[in-house]
C-alpha atoms as a PDB file:
ATOM      1  CA  PHE A   1      95.417 111.986 106.415  1.00  0.00           C
ATOM      2  CA  VAL A   2      93.826 108.975 104.984  1.00  0.00           C
ATOM      3  CA  GLU A   3      96.387 106.625 103.428  1.00  0.00           C
ATOM      4  CA  MET A   4      96.013 105.955  99.004  1.00  0.00           C
ATOM      5  CA  TYR A   5      95.891 101.873  98.825  1.00  0.00           C
ATOM      6  CA  PRO A   6      96.998  99.640 100.013  1.00  0.00           C
ATOM      7  CA  GLN A   7      95.828 100.559 103.369  1.00  0.00           C
ATOM      8  CA  ARG A   8      96.848  98.246 106.545  1.00  0.00           C
ATOM      9  CA  TYR A   9      94.316  97.618 109.504  1.00  0.00           C
ATOM     10  CA  ILE A  10      95.544  95.432 112.297  1.00  0.00           C
ATOM     11  CA  LEU A  11      93.120  95.038 115.324  1.00  0.00           C
ATOM     12  CA  PRO A  12      95.249  93.093 118.085  1.00  0.00           C
ATOM     13  CA  GLU A  13      92.337  92.810 120.338  1.00  0.00           C
ATOM     14  CA  TRP A  14      90.646  90.383 117.510  1.00  0.00           C
ATOM     15  CA  GLU A  15      94.144  88.977 116.220  1.00  0.00           C
ATOM     16  CA  VAL A  16      92.912  89.749 113.121  1.00  0.00           C
ATOM     17  CA  ALA A  17      94.962  92.111 110.907  1.00  0.00           C
ATOM     18  CA  PHE A  18      94.060  92.460 106.791  1.00  0.00           C
ATOM     19  CA  GLU A  19      95.160  95.064 103.583  1.00  0.00           C
ATOM     20  CA  VAL A  20      92.746  96.360 101.574  1.00  0.00           C
ATOM     21  CA  SER A  21      94.045  96.754  97.799  1.00  0.00           C
ATOM     22  CA  GLU A  22      93.193  97.833  94.400  1.00  0.00           C
ATOM     23  CA  ARG A  23      93.241  95.863  91.511  1.00  0.00           C
ATOM     24  CA  ASP A  24      94.157  97.053  87.709  1.00  0.00           C
ATOM     25  CA  ASP A  25      90.249  97.282  86.982  1.00  0.00           C
ATOM     26  CA  GLY A  26      89.776  99.657  90.242  1.00  0.00           C
ATOM     27  CA  SER A  27      88.194  96.894  92.225  1.00  0.00           C
ATOM     28  CA  LEU A  28      89.042  96.536  95.988  1.00  0.00           C
ATOM     29  CA  HIS A  29      89.984  93.174  97.672  1.00  0.00           C
ATOM     30  CA  VAL A  30      91.053  92.044 100.751  1.00  0.00           C
ATOM     31  CA  LYS A  31      94.175  90.026 101.879  1.00  0.00           C
ATOM     32  CA  TRP A  32      94.242  88.804 105.525  1.00  0.00           C
ATOM     33  CA  LEU A  33      98.130  89.194 106.871  1.00  0.00           C
ATOM     34  CA  LEU A  34      98.877  86.688 109.510  1.00  0.00           C
ATOM     35  CA  ASP A  35     102.379  88.209 110.441  1.00  0.00           C
ATOM     36  CA  VAL A  36     102.899  91.908 110.494  1.00  0.00           C
ATOM     37  CA  MET A  37     106.329  92.804 112.340  1.00  0.00           C
ATOM     38  CA  ASN A  38     106.574  89.588 113.841  1.00  0.00           C
ATOM     39  CA  GLU A  39     103.384  89.775 115.394  1.00  0.00           C
ATOM     40  CA  LYS A  40     101.100  86.764 114.691  1.00  0.00           C
ATOM     41  CA  TYR A  41      97.425  87.104 114.168  1.00  0.00           C
ATOM     42  CA  ASP A  42      94.587  84.381 113.086  1.00  0.00           C
ATOM     43  CA  ASP A  43      92.818  83.419 109.814  1.00  0.00           C
ATOM     44  CA  PRO A  44      89.510  85.225 109.994  1.00  0.00           C
ATOM     45  CA  ASN A  45      86.258  83.447 111.475  1.00  0.00           C
ATOM     46  CA  GLU A  46      83.026  83.702 112.019  1.00  0.00           C
ATOM     47  CA  GLU A  47      83.442  85.915 114.873  1.00  0.00           C
ATOM     48  CA  THR A  48      85.415  87.881 113.050  1.00  0.00           C
ATOM     49  CA  ALA A  49      82.778  88.779 111.343  1.00  0.00           C
ATOM     50  CA  ALA A  50      80.147  89.367 113.545  1.00  0.00           C
ATOM     51  CA  PHE A  51      82.447  91.970 115.257  1.00  0.00           C
ATOM     52  CA  LEU A  52      83.412  93.730 112.025  1.00  0.00           C
ATOM     53  CA  TRP A  53      79.746  93.898 111.311  1.00  0.00           C
ATOM     54  CA  GLN A  54      79.291  95.411 114.866  1.00  0.00           C
ATOM     55  CA  GLN A  55      81.815  97.662 113.919  1.00  0.00           C
ATOM     56  CA  VAL A  56      80.409  98.521 110.913  1.00  0.00           C
ATOM     57  CA  THR A  57      76.965  99.321 112.288  1.00  0.00           C
ATOM     58  CA  ARG A  58      78.563 101.334 115.188  1.00  0.00           C
ATOM     59  CA  LEU A  59      80.595 103.773 112.871  1.00  0.00           C
ATOM     60  CA  SER A  60      77.611 103.893 110.214  1.00  0.00           C
ATOM     61  CA  SER A  61      75.930 105.945 113.300  1.00  0.00           C
ATOM     62  CA  VAL A  62      78.722 107.437 114.127  1.00  0.00           C
ATOM     63  CA  PHE A  63      79.507 108.837 110.527  1.00  0.00           C
ATOM     64  CA  ASP A  64      75.749 109.457 109.914  1.00  0.00           C
ATOM     65  CA  ASP A  65      75.668 112.030 113.499  1.00  0.00           C
ATOM     66  CA  LEU A  66      79.352 113.879 112.170  1.00  0.00           C
ATOM     67  CA  LYS A  67      77.199 114.556 109.119  1.00  0.00           C
ATOM     68  CA  ARG A  68      74.251 116.148 110.687  1.00  0.00           C
ATOM     69  CA  ILE A  69      76.146 117.990 113.781  1.00  0.00           C
ATOM     70  CA  SER A  70      78.209 119.420 111.187  1.00  0.00           C
ATOM     71  CA  SER A  71      75.366 120.641 108.839  1.00  0.00           C
ATOM     72  CA  GLU A  72      74.373 122.391 111.898  1.00  0.00           C
ATOM     73  CA  GLU A  73      74.430 125.728 112.531  1.00  0.00           C
ATOM     74  CA  GLY A  74      77.574 127.231 114.619  1.00  0.00           C
ATOM     75  CA  GLU A  75      78.317 123.066 114.731  1.00  0.00           C
ATOM     76  CA  SER A  76      80.822 122.540 112.265  1.00  0.00           C
ATOM     77  CA  LEU A  77      84.388 121.518 111.765  1.00  0.00           C
ATOM     78  CA  PRO A  78      87.242 123.119 110.158  1.00  0.00           C
ATOM     79  CA  GLU A  79      86.250 122.409 106.472  1.00  0.00           C
ATOM     80  CA  ASN A  80      89.574 121.085 106.054  1.00  0.00           C
ATOM     81  CA  GLU A  81      88.970 118.631 108.923  1.00  0.00           C
ATOM     82  CA  LEU A  82      85.734 117.372 108.418  1.00  0.00           C
ATOM     83  CA  GLN A  83      86.532 116.313 104.584  1.00  0.00           C
ATOM     84  CA  ILE A  84      89.639 114.578 106.534  1.00  0.00           C
ATOM     85  CA  VAL A  85      87.456 112.622 109.403  1.00  0.00           C
ATOM     86  CA  THR A  86      84.847 111.973 106.403  1.00  0.00           C
ATOM     87  CA  GLN A  87      87.156 110.272 103.973  1.00  0.00           C
ATOM     88  CA  PHE A  88      88.645 108.233 107.492  1.00  0.00           C
ATOM     89  CA  CYS A  89      84.940 107.310 107.716  1.00  0.00           C
ATOM     90  CA  ARG A  90      84.703 105.683 104.345  1.00  0.00           C
ATOM     91  CA  ASP A  91      87.919 104.486 103.882  1.00  0.00           C
ATOM     92  CA  TYR A  92      87.243 102.604 107.016  1.00  0.00           C
ATOM     93  CA  LEU A  93      83.687 101.256 106.529  1.00  0.00           C
ATOM     94  CA  THR A  94      84.649 100.238 103.246  1.00  0.00           C
ATOM     95  CA  ALA A  95      87.479  97.902 104.553  1.00  0.00           C
ATOM     96  CA  LEU A  96      85.293  96.512 107.707  1.00  0.00           C
ATOM     97  CA  SER A  97      82.454  95.811 104.939  1.00  0.00           C
ATOM     98  CA  LEU A  98      84.567  93.475 102.173  1.00  0.00           C
ATOM     99  CA  ALA A  99      86.273  91.664 105.525  1.00  0.00           C
ATOM    100  CA  VAL A 100      83.323  91.240 106.089  1.00  0.00           C
ATOM    101  CA  GLU A 101      82.290  90.110 102.928  1.00  0.00           C
ATOM    102  CA  ASP A 102      85.499  88.272 102.117  1.00  0.00           C
ATOM    103  CA  ILE A 103      85.052  86.076 105.564  1.00  0.00           C
ATOM    104  CA  THR A 104      81.372  85.162 104.747  1.00  0.00           C
ATOM    105  CA  VAL A 105      81.542  83.921 101.316  1.00  0.00           C
ATOM    106  CA  CYS A 106      81.629  80.498 102.229  1.00  0.00           C
ATOM    107  CA  PRO A 107      81.056  77.284 100.347  1.00  0.00           C
ATOM    108  CA  PRO A 108      77.451  75.401 100.492  1.00  0.00           C
ATOM    109  CA  ASP A 109      76.542  73.486 103.162  1.00  0.00           C
ATOM    110  CA  THR A 110      78.581  75.468 105.577  1.00  0.00           C
ATOM    111  CA  TYR A 111      77.774  78.154 107.812  1.00  0.00           C
ATOM    112  CA  CYS A 112      77.896  81.612 106.676  1.00  0.00           C
ATOM    113  CA  ALA A 113      77.526  84.921 108.116  1.00  0.00           C
ATOM    114  CA  LYS A 114      76.234  86.592 104.779  1.00  0.00           C
ATOM    115  CA  SER A 115      73.229  87.211 106.404  1.00  0.00           C
ATOM    116  CA  MET A 116      74.486  89.964 108.483  1.00  0.00           C
ATOM    117  CA  LEU A 117      75.064  92.019 105.250  1.00  0.00           C
ATOM    118  CA  GLN A 118      71.597  91.755 103.956  1.00  0.00           C
END
């Protein structure tokens, strides 16, 4: 199943963790977590943004393949499984995209990976 908000994402191989929460107005925002159950995590940086954007690109391709395969006769997943996988992919893509956007919004005259989003 897919959790309701807030959703927590922990990427130990990149030593980052974040949570996506829903505000009162329905908009989503990212909160970076520096300590989760006594495990220390780093502040995100441009390398983190590049890695997360690669994951967005990869997962988008997988999601497109899943939709295509599920629509082909004889290759479909049971409807309930397809709904769960689809919701998971959407939520994960949303979370990763929001995390990249949060990292890449930076002050003028500083390096910014924002161009990766365009």
